[in-house]
């Protein structure tokens, strides 16, 4: 059995984009045509750009990434560390938009 090339590309794109980042600051950034996503730690800017364009069918102008390190926490005299993550701030072409609230699933 061969997998359809288009389906394979969407599977790869969905592994790069973990979820949209929905906070008050991210909602305000939508007014400037910027969208924030949590992405895979090893994802490059080019991969994030291609994933956004494939999944949402929009034109990406720029991508800025931020590596957020994990926090060190203590509980009962034991140190632990939370996992870090990577965020991507994506700027879209004027006139393009993404409806994040229809895409996200609330459990």
PDB file of N, CA and C in Angstrom:
ATOM      1  N   UNK A   1       0.836  -1.183   0.000  1.00  0.00           N
ATOM      2  CA  UNK A   1       0.000   0.000   0.000  1.00  0.00           C
ATOM      3  C   UNK A   1       0.876   1.239   0.000  1.00  0.00           C
ATOM      4  N   UNK A   2       0.539   2.180  -0.844  1.00  0.00           N
ATOM      5  CA  UNK A   2       1.278   3.433  -0.873  1.00  0.00           C
ATOM      6  C   UNK A   2       0.413   4.547  -0.287  1.00  0.00           C
ATOM      7  N   UNK A   3       1.039   5.388   0.483  1.00  0.00           N
ATOM      8  CA  UNK A   3       0.329   6.503   1.101  1.00  0.00           C
ATOM      9  C   UNK A   3       0.341   7.675   0.133  1.00  0.00           C
ATOM     10  N   UNK A   4      -0.793   8.340   0.042  1.00  0.00           N
ATOM     11  CA  UNK A   4      -0.908   9.514  -0.807  1.00  0.00           C
ATOM     12  C   UNK A   4       0.104  10.572  -0.354  1.00  0.00           C
ATOM     13  N   UNK A   5       0.822  11.186  -1.288  1.00  0.00           N
ATOM     14  CA  UNK A   5       1.869  12.168  -0.984  1.00  0.00           C
ATOM     15  C   UNK A   5       1.299  13.359  -0.214  1.00  0.00           C
ATOM     16  N   UNK A   6       0.094  13.814  -0.593  1.00  0.00           N
ATOM     17  CA  UNK A   6      -0.531  14.962   0.064  1.00  0.00           C
ATOM     18  C   UNK A   6      -0.845  14.624   1.528  1.00  0.00           C
ATOM     19  N   UNK A   7      -1.350  13.427   1.780  1.00  0.00           N
ATOM     20  CA  UNK A   7      -1.659  12.985   3.138  1.00  0.00           C
ATOM     21  C   UNK A   7      -0.386  12.871   3.963  1.00  0.00           C
ATOM     22  N   UNK A   8       0.679  12.385   3.349  1.00  0.00           N
ATOM     23  CA  UNK A   8       1.955  12.254   4.043  1.00  0.00           C
ATOM     24  C   UNK A   8       2.495  13.624   4.443  1.00  0.00           C
ATOM     25  N   UNK A   9       2.386  14.620   3.560  1.00  0.00           N
ATOM     26  CA  UNK A   9       2.844  15.975   3.867  1.00  0.00           C
ATOM     27  C   UNK A   9       2.040  16.582   5.010  1.00  0.00           C
ATOM     28  N   UNK A  10       0.732  16.334   5.056  1.00  0.00           N
ATOM     29  CA  UNK A  10      -0.094  16.850   6.145  1.00  0.00           C
ATOM     30  C   UNK A  10       0.261  16.185   7.462  1.00  0.00           C
ATOM     31  N   UNK A  11       0.610  14.882   7.433  1.00  0.00           N
ATOM     32  CA  UNK A  11       1.015  14.201   8.656  1.00  0.00           C
ATOM     33  C   UNK A  11       2.305  14.797   9.208  1.00  0.00           C
ATOM     34  N   UNK A  12       3.259  15.086   8.332  1.00  0.00           N
ATOM     35  CA  UNK A  12       4.512  15.697   8.760  1.00  0.00           C
ATOM     36  C   UNK A  12       4.250  17.097   9.312  1.00  0.00           C
ATOM     37  N   UNK A  13       3.388  17.869   8.638  1.00  0.00           N
ATOM     38  CA  UNK A  13       3.064  19.221   9.086  1.00  0.00           C
ATOM     39  C   UNK A  13       2.368  19.198  10.436  1.00  0.00           C
ATOM     40  N   UNK A  14       1.509  18.210  10.666  1.00  0.00           N
ATOM     41  CA  UNK A  14       0.806  18.144  11.947  1.00  0.00           C
ATOM     42  C   UNK A  14       1.741  17.732  13.089  1.00  0.00           C
ATOM     43  N   UNK A  15       2.854  17.069  12.782  1.00  0.00           N
ATOM     44  CA  UNK A  15       3.837  16.736  13.816  1.00  0.00           C
ATOM     45  C   UNK A  15       4.698  17.940  14.171  1.00  0.00           C
ATOM     46  N   UNK A  16       4.843  18.879  13.245  1.00  0.00           N
ATOM     47  CA  UNK A  16       5.628  20.083  13.509  1.00  0.00           C
ATOM     48  C   UNK A  16       4.828  21.064  14.359  1.00  0.00           C
ATOM     49  N   UNK A  17       3.575  21.284  14.004  1.00  0.00           N
ATOM     50  CA  UNK A  17       2.707  22.180  14.771  1.00  0.00           C
ATOM     51  C   UNK A  17       2.009  21.373  15.857  1.00  0.00           C
ATOM     52  N   UNK A  18       2.294  21.673  17.120  1.00  0.00           N
ATOM     53  CA  UNK A  18       1.692  20.922  18.213  1.00  0.00           C
ATOM     54  C   UNK A  18       0.304  21.464  18.529  1.00  0.00           C
ATOM     55  N   UNK A  19       0.204  22.779  18.774  1.00  0.00           N
ATOM     56  CA  UNK A  19      -1.098  23.383  19.036  1.00  0.00           C
ATOM     57  C   UNK A  19      -0.981  24.899  18.960  1.00  0.00           C
ATOM     58  N   UNK A  20      -2.103  25.588  18.714  1.00  0.00           N
ATOM     59  CA  UNK A  20      -2.073  27.050  18.741  1.00  0.00           C
ATOM     60  C   UNK A  20      -1.915  27.539  20.184  1.00  0.00           C
ATOM     61  N   UNK A  21      -1.256  28.642  20.342  1.00  0.00           N
ATOM     62  CA  UNK A  21      -1.011  29.231  21.658  1.00  0.00           C
ATOM     63  C   UNK A  21      -2.112  30.254  21.887  1.00  0.00           C
ATOM     64  N   UNK A  22      -3.083  29.948  22.750  1.00  0.00           N
ATOM     65  CA  UNK A  22      -4.224  30.831  22.952  1.00  0.00           C
ATOM     66  C   UNK A  22      -4.125  31.446  24.340  1.00  0.00           C
ATOM     67  N   UNK A  23      -3.643  32.681  24.381  1.00  0.00           N
ATOM     68  CA  UNK A  23      -3.560  33.464  25.606  1.00  0.00           C
ATOM     69  C   UNK A  23      -4.072  34.862  25.297  1.00  0.00           C
ATOM     70  N   UNK A  24      -4.122  35.699  26.310  1.00  0.00           N
ATOM     71  CA  UNK A  24      -4.572  37.070  26.093  1.00  0.00           C
ATOM     72  C   UNK A  24      -3.618  37.816  25.159  1.00  0.00           C
ATOM     73  N   UNK A  25      -2.327  37.645  25.350  1.00  0.00           N
ATOM     74  CA  UNK A  25      -1.338  38.314  24.499  1.00  0.00           C
ATOM     75  C   UNK A  25      -1.408  37.789  23.067  1.00  0.00           C
ATOM     76  N   UNK A  26      -1.618  36.488  22.904  1.00  0.00           N
ATOM     77  CA  UNK A  26      -1.720  35.915  21.560  1.00  0.00           C
ATOM     78  C   UNK A  26      -2.969  36.412  20.847  1.00  0.00           C
ATOM     79  N   UNK A  27      -4.049  36.604  21.603  1.00  0.00           N
ATOM     80  CA  UNK A  27      -5.279  37.126  21.014  1.00  0.00           C
ATOM     81  C   UNK A  27      -5.091  38.566  20.557  1.00  0.00           C
ATOM     82  N   UNK A  28      -4.336  39.350  21.310  1.00  0.00           N
ATOM     83  CA  UNK A  28      -4.064  40.736  20.911  1.00  0.00           C
ATOM     84  C   UNK A  28      -3.135  40.788  19.702  1.00  0.00           C
ATOM     85  N   UNK A  29      -2.261  39.805  19.559  1.00  0.00           N
ATOM     86  CA  UNK A  29      -1.335  39.763  18.423  1.00  0.00           C
ATOM     87  C   UNK A  29      -2.058  39.480  17.111  1.00  0.00           C
ATOM     88  N   UNK A  30      -3.238  38.867  17.176  1.00  0.00           N
ATOM     89  CA  UNK A  30      -4.015  38.575  15.969  1.00  0.00           C
ATOM     90  C   UNK A  30      -4.381  39.874  15.250  1.00  0.00           C
ATOM     91  N   UNK A  31      -4.583  40.962  15.999  1.00  0.00           N
ATOM     92  CA  UNK A  31      -4.878  42.265  15.384  1.00  0.00           C
ATOM     93  C   UNK A  31      -3.736  42.742  14.493  1.00  0.00           C
ATOM     94  N   UNK A  32      -2.505  42.325  14.786  1.00  0.00           N
ATOM     95  CA  UNK A  32      -1.343  42.683  13.979  1.00  0.00           C
ATOM     96  C   UNK A  32      -1.032  41.597  12.951  1.00  0.00           C
ATOM     97  N   UNK A  33      -1.971  40.661  12.767  1.00  0.00           N
ATOM     98  CA  UNK A  33      -1.847  39.563  11.809  1.00  0.00           C
ATOM     99  C   UNK A  33      -0.705  38.610  12.173  1.00  0.00           C
ATOM    100  N   UNK A  34      -0.504  38.413  13.493  1.00  0.00           N
ATOM    101  CA  UNK A  34       0.507  37.486  13.997  1.00  0.00           C
ATOM    102  C   UNK A  34      -0.192  36.388  14.784  1.00  0.00           C
ATOM    103  N   UNK A  35       0.257  35.160  14.579  1.00  0.00           N
ATOM    104  CA  UNK A  35      -0.317  34.006  15.255  1.00  0.00           C
ATOM    105  C   UNK A  35       0.802  33.240  15.944  1.00  0.00           C
ATOM    106  N   UNK A  36       0.513  32.717  17.138  1.00  0.00           N
ATOM    107  CA  UNK A  36       1.534  32.045  17.932  1.00  0.00           C
ATOM    108  C   UNK A  36       1.158  30.561  18.056  1.00  0.00           C
ATOM    109  N   UNK A  37       2.143  29.689  17.829  1.00  0.00           N
ATOM    110  CA  UNK A  37       1.942  28.250  17.892  1.00  0.00           C
ATOM    111  C   UNK A  37       3.024  27.617  18.744  1.00  0.00           C
ATOM    112  N   UNK A  38       2.668  26.533  19.437  1.00  0.00           N
ATOM    113  CA  UNK A  38       3.659  25.693  20.091  1.00  0.00           C
ATOM    114  C   UNK A  38       4.096  24.685  19.040  1.00  0.00           C
ATOM    115  N   UNK A  39       5.405  24.570  18.817  1.00  0.00           N
ATOM    116  CA  UNK A  39       5.928  23.717  17.751  1.00  0.00           C
ATOM    117  C   UNK A  39       6.910  22.705  18.324  1.00  0.00           C
ATOM    118  N   UNK A  40       7.278  21.727  17.509  1.00  0.00           N
ATOM    119  CA  UNK A  40       8.253  20.713  17.914  1.00  0.00           C
ATOM    120  C   UNK A  40       9.603  21.371  18.203  1.00  0.00           C
ATOM    121  N   UNK A  41      10.322  20.833  19.187  1.00  0.00           N
ATOM    122  CA  UNK A  41      11.600  21.431  19.604  1.00  0.00           C
ATOM    123  C   UNK A  41      12.626  21.476  18.478  1.00  0.00           C
ATOM    124  N   UNK A  42      12.612  20.501  17.585  1.00  0.00           N
ATOM    125  CA  UNK A  42      13.612  20.437  16.522  1.00  0.00           C
ATOM    126  C   UNK A  42      13.140  21.078  15.220  1.00  0.00           C
ATOM    127  N   UNK A  43      11.964  21.688  15.209  1.00  0.00           N
ATOM    128  CA  UNK A  43      11.424  22.293  13.984  1.00  0.00           C
ATOM    129  C   UNK A  43      12.194  23.565  13.627  1.00  0.00           C
ATOM    130  N   UNK A  44      12.491  23.729  12.346  1.00  0.00           N
ATOM    131  CA  UNK A  44      13.157  24.935  11.869  1.00  0.00           C
ATOM    132  C   UNK A  44      12.113  25.945  11.423  1.00  0.00           C
ATOM    133  N   UNK A  45      12.558  27.184  11.190  1.00  0.00           N
ATOM    134  CA  UNK A  45      11.642  28.227  10.736  1.00  0.00           C
ATOM    135  C   UNK A  45      11.012  27.858   9.393  1.00  0.00           C
ATOM    136  N   UNK A  46      11.797  27.302   8.507  1.00  0.00           N
ATOM    137  CA  UNK A  46      11.304  26.919   7.177  1.00  0.00           C
ATOM    138  C   UNK A  46      10.253  25.819   7.296  1.00  0.00           C
ATOM    139  N   UNK A  47      10.484  24.843   8.173  1.00  0.00           N
ATOM    140  CA  UNK A  47       9.515  23.766   8.369  1.00  0.00           C
ATOM    141  C   UNK A  47       8.205  24.297   8.946  1.00  0.00           C
ATOM    142  N   UNK A  48       8.301  25.231   9.896  1.00  0.00           N
ATOM    143  CA  UNK A  48       7.103  25.835  10.482  1.00  0.00           C
ATOM    144  C   UNK A  48       6.333  26.602   9.411  1.00  0.00           C
ATOM    145  N   UNK A  49       7.040  27.361   8.588  1.00  0.00           N
ATOM    146  CA  UNK A  49       6.399  28.119   7.507  1.00  0.00           C
ATOM    147  C   UNK A  49       5.655  27.186   6.551  1.00  0.00           C
ATOM    148  N   UNK A  50       6.304  26.110   6.130  1.00  0.00           N
ATOM    149  CA  UNK A  50       5.678  25.168   5.200  1.00  0.00           C
ATOM    150  C   UNK A  50       4.480  24.469   5.833  1.00  0.00           C
ATOM    151  N   UNK A  51       4.572  24.137   7.119  1.00  0.00           N
ATOM    152  CA  UNK A  51       3.463  23.475   7.812  1.00  0.00           C
ATOM    153  C   UNK A  51       2.246  24.391   7.910  1.00  0.00           C
ATOM    154  N   UNK A  52       2.461  25.663   8.245  1.00  0.00           N
ATOM    155  CA  UNK A  52       1.353  26.624   8.344  1.00  0.00           C
ATOM    156  C   UNK A  52       0.693  26.789   6.980  1.00  0.00           C
ATOM    157  N   UNK A  53       1.496  26.926   5.936  1.00  0.00           N
ATOM    158  CA  UNK A  53       0.950  27.115   4.594  1.00  0.00           C
ATOM    159  C   UNK A  53       0.177  25.889   4.121  1.00  0.00           C
ATOM    160  N   UNK A  54       0.636  24.683   4.456  1.00  0.00           N
ATOM    161  CA  UNK A  54      -0.054  23.459   4.040  1.00  0.00           C
ATOM    162  C   UNK A  54      -1.372  23.266   4.782  1.00  0.00           C
ATOM    163  N   UNK A  55      -1.343  23.444   6.096  1.00  0.00           N
ATOM    164  CA  UNK A  55      -2.528  23.162   6.908  1.00  0.00           C
ATOM    165  C   UNK A  55      -3.597  24.245   6.763  1.00  0.00           C
ATOM    166  N   UNK A  56      -3.201  25.517   6.845  1.00  0.00           N
ATOM    167  CA  UNK A  56      -4.172  26.609   6.879  1.00  0.00           C
ATOM    168  C   UNK A  56      -4.386  27.302   5.532  1.00  0.00           C
ATOM    169  N   UNK A  57      -3.613  26.969   4.512  1.00  0.00           N
ATOM    170  CA  UNK A  57      -3.749  27.550   3.161  1.00  0.00           C
ATOM    171  C   UNK A  57      -3.651  29.084   3.190  1.00  0.00           C
ATOM    172  N   UNK A  58      -2.592  29.597   3.827  1.00  0.00           N
ATOM    173  CA  UNK A  58      -2.318  31.031   3.908  1.00  0.00           C
ATOM    174  C   UNK A  58      -0.885  31.291   3.461  1.00  0.00           C
ATOM    175  N   UNK A  59      -0.535  32.572   3.274  1.00  0.00           N
ATOM    176  CA  UNK A  59       0.820  32.952   2.896  1.00  0.00           C
ATOM    177  C   UNK A  59       1.540  33.519   4.111  1.00  0.00           C
ATOM    178  N   UNK A  60       2.685  32.937   4.447  1.00  0.00           N
ATOM    179  CA  UNK A  60       3.470  33.358   5.608  1.00  0.00           C
ATOM    180  C   UNK A  60       4.541  34.344   5.160  1.00  0.00           C
ATOM    181  N   UNK A  61       4.634  35.477   5.869  1.00  0.00           N
ATOM    182  CA  UNK A  61       5.653  36.479   5.568  1.00  0.00           C
ATOM    183  C   UNK A  61       6.918  36.212   6.382  1.00  0.00           C
ATOM    184  N   UNK A  62       6.754  35.982   7.697  1.00  0.00           N
ATOM    185  CA  UNK A  62       7.931  35.738   8.531  1.00  0.00           C
ATOM    186  C   UNK A  62       7.588  34.795   9.684  1.00  0.00           C
ATOM    187  N   UNK A  63       8.637  34.152  10.213  1.00  0.00           N
ATOM    188  CA  UNK A  63       8.504  33.252  11.357  1.00  0.00           C
ATOM    189  C   UNK A  63       9.608  33.585  12.344  1.00  0.00           C
ATOM    190  N   UNK A  64       9.232  33.809  13.594  1.00  0.00           N
ATOM    191  CA  UNK A  64      10.188  34.022  14.679  1.00  0.00           C
ATOM    192  C   UNK A  64       9.988  32.890  15.679  1.00  0.00           C
ATOM    193  N   UNK A  65      11.078  32.269  16.118  1.00  0.00           N
ATOM    194  CA  UNK A  65      10.973  31.173  17.067  1.00  0.00           C
ATOM    195  C   UNK A  65      11.601  31.548  18.396  1.00  0.00           C
ATOM    196  N   UNK A  66      11.060  30.954  19.464  1.00  0.00           N
ATOM    197  CA  UNK A  66      11.531  31.205  20.818  1.00  0.00           C
ATOM    198  C   UNK A  66      11.671  29.861  21.521  1.00  0.00           C
ATOM    199  N   UNK A  67      12.872  29.544  22.010  1.00  0.00           N
ATOM    200  CA  UNK A  67      13.082  28.343  22.825  1.00  0.00           C
ATOM    201  C   UNK A  67      12.898  28.733  24.283  1.00  0.00           C
ATOM    202  N   UNK A  68      11.874  28.180  24.930  1.00  0.00           N
ATOM    203  CA  UNK A  68      11.601  28.471  26.330  1.00  0.00           C
ATOM    204  C   UNK A  68      12.165  27.323  27.153  1.00  0.00           C
ATOM    205  N   UNK A  69      13.142  27.592  28.025  1.00  0.00           N
ATOM    206  CA  UNK A  69      13.726  26.508  28.819  1.00  0.00           C
ATOM    207  C   UNK A  69      12.757  26.038  29.907  1.00  0.00           C
ATOM    208  N   UNK A  70      12.940  24.802  30.362  1.00  0.00           N
ATOM    209  CA  UNK A  70      12.100  24.273  31.429  1.00  0.00           C
ATOM    210  C   UNK A  70      12.442  24.907  32.767  1.00  0.00           C
ATOM    211  N   UNK A  71      11.458  24.978  33.639  1.00  0.00           N
ATOM    212  CA  UNK A  71      11.668  25.571  34.956  1.00  0.00           C
ATOM    213  C   UNK A  71      12.097  24.509  35.964  1.00  0.00           C
ATOM    214  N   UNK A  72      12.959  24.903  36.889  1.00  0.00           N
ATOM    215  CA  UNK A  72      13.362  24.023  37.974  1.00  0.00           C
ATOM    216  C   UNK A  72      12.364  24.212  39.112  1.00  0.00           C
ATOM    217  N   UNK A  73      11.780  23.112  39.569  1.00  0.00           N
ATOM    218  CA  UNK A  73      10.779  23.152  40.643  1.00  0.00           C
ATOM    219  C   UNK A  73      11.236  22.262  41.790  1.00  0.00           C
ATOM    220  N   UNK A  74      10.811  22.608  42.999  1.00  0.00           N
ATOM    221  CA  UNK A  74      11.132  21.797  44.176  1.00  0.00           C
ATOM    222  C   UNK A  74       9.846  21.312  44.813  1.00  0.00           C
ATOM    223  N   UNK A  75       9.898  20.058  45.277  1.00  0.00           N
ATOM    224  CA  UNK A  75       8.759  19.502  45.996  1.00  0.00           C
ATOM    225  C   UNK A  75       9.306  18.543  47.036  1.00  0.00           C
ATOM    226  N   UNK A  76       9.079  18.852  48.271  1.00  0.00           N
ATOM    227  CA  UNK A  76       9.531  18.024  49.391  1.00  0.00           C
ATOM    228  C   UNK A  76      11.033  17.770  49.318  1.00  0.00           C
ATOM    229  N   UNK A  77      11.810  18.819  49.186  1.00  0.00           N
ATOM    230  CA  UNK A  77      13.266  18.768  49.151  1.00  0.00           C
ATOM    231  C   UNK A  77      13.832  17.972  47.972  1.00  0.00           C
ATOM    232  N   UNK A  78      13.080  17.802  46.948  1.00  0.00           N
ATOM    233  CA  UNK A  78      13.571  17.144  45.746  1.00  0.00           C
ATOM    234  C   UNK A  78      13.440  18.114  44.583  1.00  0.00           C
ATOM    235  N   UNK A  79      14.527  18.220  43.828  1.00  0.00           N
ATOM    236  CA  UNK A  79      14.504  19.092  42.661  1.00  0.00           C
ATOM    237  C   UNK A  79      14.033  18.313  41.444  1.00  0.00           C
ATOM    238  N   UNK A  80      13.247  18.991  40.643  1.00  0.00           N
ATOM    239  CA  UNK A  80      12.805  18.424  39.387  1.00  0.00           C
ATOM    240  C   UNK A  80      12.818  19.518  38.338  1.00  0.00           C
ATOM    241  N   UNK A  81      12.658  19.151  37.102  1.00  0.00           N
ATOM    242  CA  UNK A  81      12.669  20.141  36.039  1.00  0.00           C
ATOM    243  C   UNK A  81      11.525  19.868  35.075  1.00  0.00           C
ATOM    244  N   UNK A  82      10.777  20.909  34.776  1.00  0.00           N
ATOM    245  CA  UNK A  82       9.724  20.805  33.778  1.00  0.00           C
ATOM    246  C   UNK A  82      10.351  20.807  32.392  1.00  0.00           C
ATOM    247  N   UNK A  83       9.660  20.219  31.459  1.00  0.00           N
ATOM    248  CA  UNK A  83      10.154  20.195  30.088  1.00  0.00           C
ATOM    249  C   UNK A  83      10.017  21.581  29.461  1.00  0.00           C
ATOM    250  N   UNK A  84      10.979  21.947  28.642  1.00  0.00           N
ATOM    251  CA  UNK A  84      10.896  23.192  27.911  1.00  0.00           C
ATOM    252  C   UNK A  84      10.078  22.993  26.644  1.00  0.00           C
ATOM    253  N   UNK A  85       9.863  24.075  25.914  1.00  0.00           N
ATOM    254  CA  UNK A  85       9.107  24.003  24.674  1.00  0.00           C
ATOM    255  C   UNK A  85       9.574  25.095  23.728  1.00  0.00           C
ATOM    256  N   UNK A  86       9.055  25.062  22.514  1.00  0.00           N
ATOM    257  CA  UNK A  86       9.416  26.031  21.489  1.00  0.00           C
ATOM    258  C   UNK A  86       8.150  26.678  20.960  1.00  0.00           C
ATOM    259  N   UNK A  87       8.167  28.014  20.865  1.00  0.00           N
ATOM    260  CA  UNK A  87       7.040  28.762  20.312  1.00  0.00           C
ATOM    261  C   UNK A  87       7.459  29.382  18.992  1.00  0.00           C
ATOM    262  N   UNK A  88       6.500  29.557  18.104  1.00  0.00           N
ATOM    263  CA  UNK A  88       6.752  30.224  16.836  1.00  0.00           C
ATOM    264  C   UNK A  88       5.720  31.333  16.665  1.00  0.00           C
ATOM    265  N   UNK A  89       6.198  32.541  16.364  1.00  0.00           N
ATOM    266  CA  UNK A  89       5.325  33.670  16.063  1.00  0.00           C
ATOM    267  C   UNK A  89       5.329  33.831  14.550  1.00  0.00           C
ATOM    268  N   UNK A  90       4.162  33.629  13.951  1.00  0.00           N
ATOM    269  CA  UNK A  90       4.032  33.609  12.499  1.00  0.00           C
ATOM    270  C   UNK A  90       3.277  34.856  12.046  1.00  0.00           C
ATOM    271  N   UNK A  91       3.874  35.614  11.126  1.00  0.00           N
ATOM    272  CA  UNK A  91       3.226  36.786  10.543  1.00  0.00           C
ATOM    273  C   UNK A  91       2.691  36.404   9.169  1.00  0.00           C
ATOM    274  N   UNK A  92       1.403  36.691   8.958  1.00  0.00           N
ATOM    275  CA  UNK A  92       0.757  36.343   7.695  1.00  0.00           C
ATOM    276  C   UNK A  92       0.645  37.556   6.778  1.00  0.00           C
ATOM    277  N   UNK A  93       0.417  37.265   5.495  1.00  0.00           N
ATOM    278  CA  UNK A  93       0.216  38.312   4.499  1.00  0.00           C
ATOM    279  C   UNK A  93      -1.072  39.070   4.834  1.00  0.00           C
ATOM    280  N   UNK A  94      -1.090  40.349   4.539  1.00  0.00           N
ATOM    281  CA  UNK A  94      -2.266  41.180   4.784  1.00  0.00           C
ATOM    282  C   UNK A  94      -3.470  40.590   4.062  1.00  0.00           C
ATOM    283  N   UNK A  95      -4.566  40.419   4.783  1.00  0.00           N
ATOM    284  CA  UNK A  95      -5.774  39.847   4.195  1.00  0.00           C
ATOM    285  C   UNK A  95      -5.970  38.378   4.533  1.00  0.00           C
ATOM    286  N   UNK A  96      -4.888  37.648   4.870  1.00  0.00           N
ATOM    287  CA  UNK A  96      -5.002  36.250   5.281  1.00  0.00           C
ATOM    288  C   UNK A  96      -5.293  36.182   6.778  1.00  0.00           C
ATOM    289  N   UNK A  97      -6.018  35.158   7.183  1.00  0.00           N
ATOM    290  CA  UNK A  97      -6.282  34.972   8.608  1.00  0.00           C
ATOM    291  C   UNK A  97      -6.503  33.494   8.887  1.00  0.00           C
ATOM    292  N   UNK A  98      -6.375  33.136  10.164  1.00  0.00           N
ATOM    293  CA  UNK A  98      -6.581  31.771  10.625  1.00  0.00           C
ATOM    294  C   UNK A  98      -7.618  31.825  11.730  1.00  0.00           C
ATOM    295  N   UNK A  99      -8.629  30.969  11.647  1.00  0.00           N
ATOM    296  CA  UNK A  99      -9.639  30.884  12.702  1.00  0.00           C
ATOM    297  C   UNK A  99      -9.193  29.830  13.701  1.00  0.00           C
ATOM    298  N   UNK A 100      -8.501  30.254  14.733  1.00  0.00           N
ATOM    299  CA  UNK A 100      -7.939  29.326  15.715  1.00  0.00           C
ATOM    300  C   UNK A 100      -9.004  28.711  16.614  1.00  0.00           C
ATOM    301  N   UNK A 101     -10.068  29.428  16.882  1.00  0.00           N
ATOM    302  CA  UNK A 101     -11.060  28.944  17.830  1.00  0.00           C
ATOM    303  C   UNK A 101     -11.902  27.819  17.247  1.00  0.00           C
ATOM    304  N   UNK A 102     -12.061  27.775  15.935  1.00  0.00           N
ATOM    305  CA  UNK A 102     -12.776  26.659  15.310  1.00  0.00           C
ATOM    306  C   UNK A 102     -11.875  25.434  15.228  1.00  0.00           C
ATOM    307  N   UNK A 103     -10.545  25.635  15.166  1.00  0.00           N
ATOM    308  CA  UNK A 103      -9.588  24.548  15.010  1.00  0.00           C
ATOM    309  C   UNK A 103      -9.292  23.843  16.331  1.00  0.00           C
ATOM    310  N   UNK A 104      -9.263  24.593  17.445  1.00  0.00           N
ATOM    311  CA  UNK A 104      -8.856  23.997  18.715  1.00  0.00           C
ATOM    312  C   UNK A 104      -9.990  23.183  19.326  1.00  0.00           C
ATOM    313  N   UNK A 105      -9.630  22.094  19.997  1.00  0.00           N
ATOM    314  CA  UNK A 105     -10.603  21.219  20.628  1.00  0.00           C
ATOM    315  C   UNK A 105     -10.479  21.354  22.143  1.00  0.00           C
ATOM    316  N   UNK A 106     -11.583  21.660  22.801  1.00  0.00           N
ATOM    317  CA  UNK A 106     -11.579  21.796  24.247  1.00  0.00           C
ATOM    318  C   UNK A 106     -12.162  20.522  24.833  1.00  0.00           C
ATOM    319  N   UNK A 107     -11.446  19.936  25.793  1.00  0.00           N
ATOM    320  CA  UNK A 107     -11.918  18.698  26.435  1.00  0.00           C
ATOM    321  C   UNK A 107     -12.584  18.993  27.741  1.00  0.00           C
TER     322      UNK A 107
END
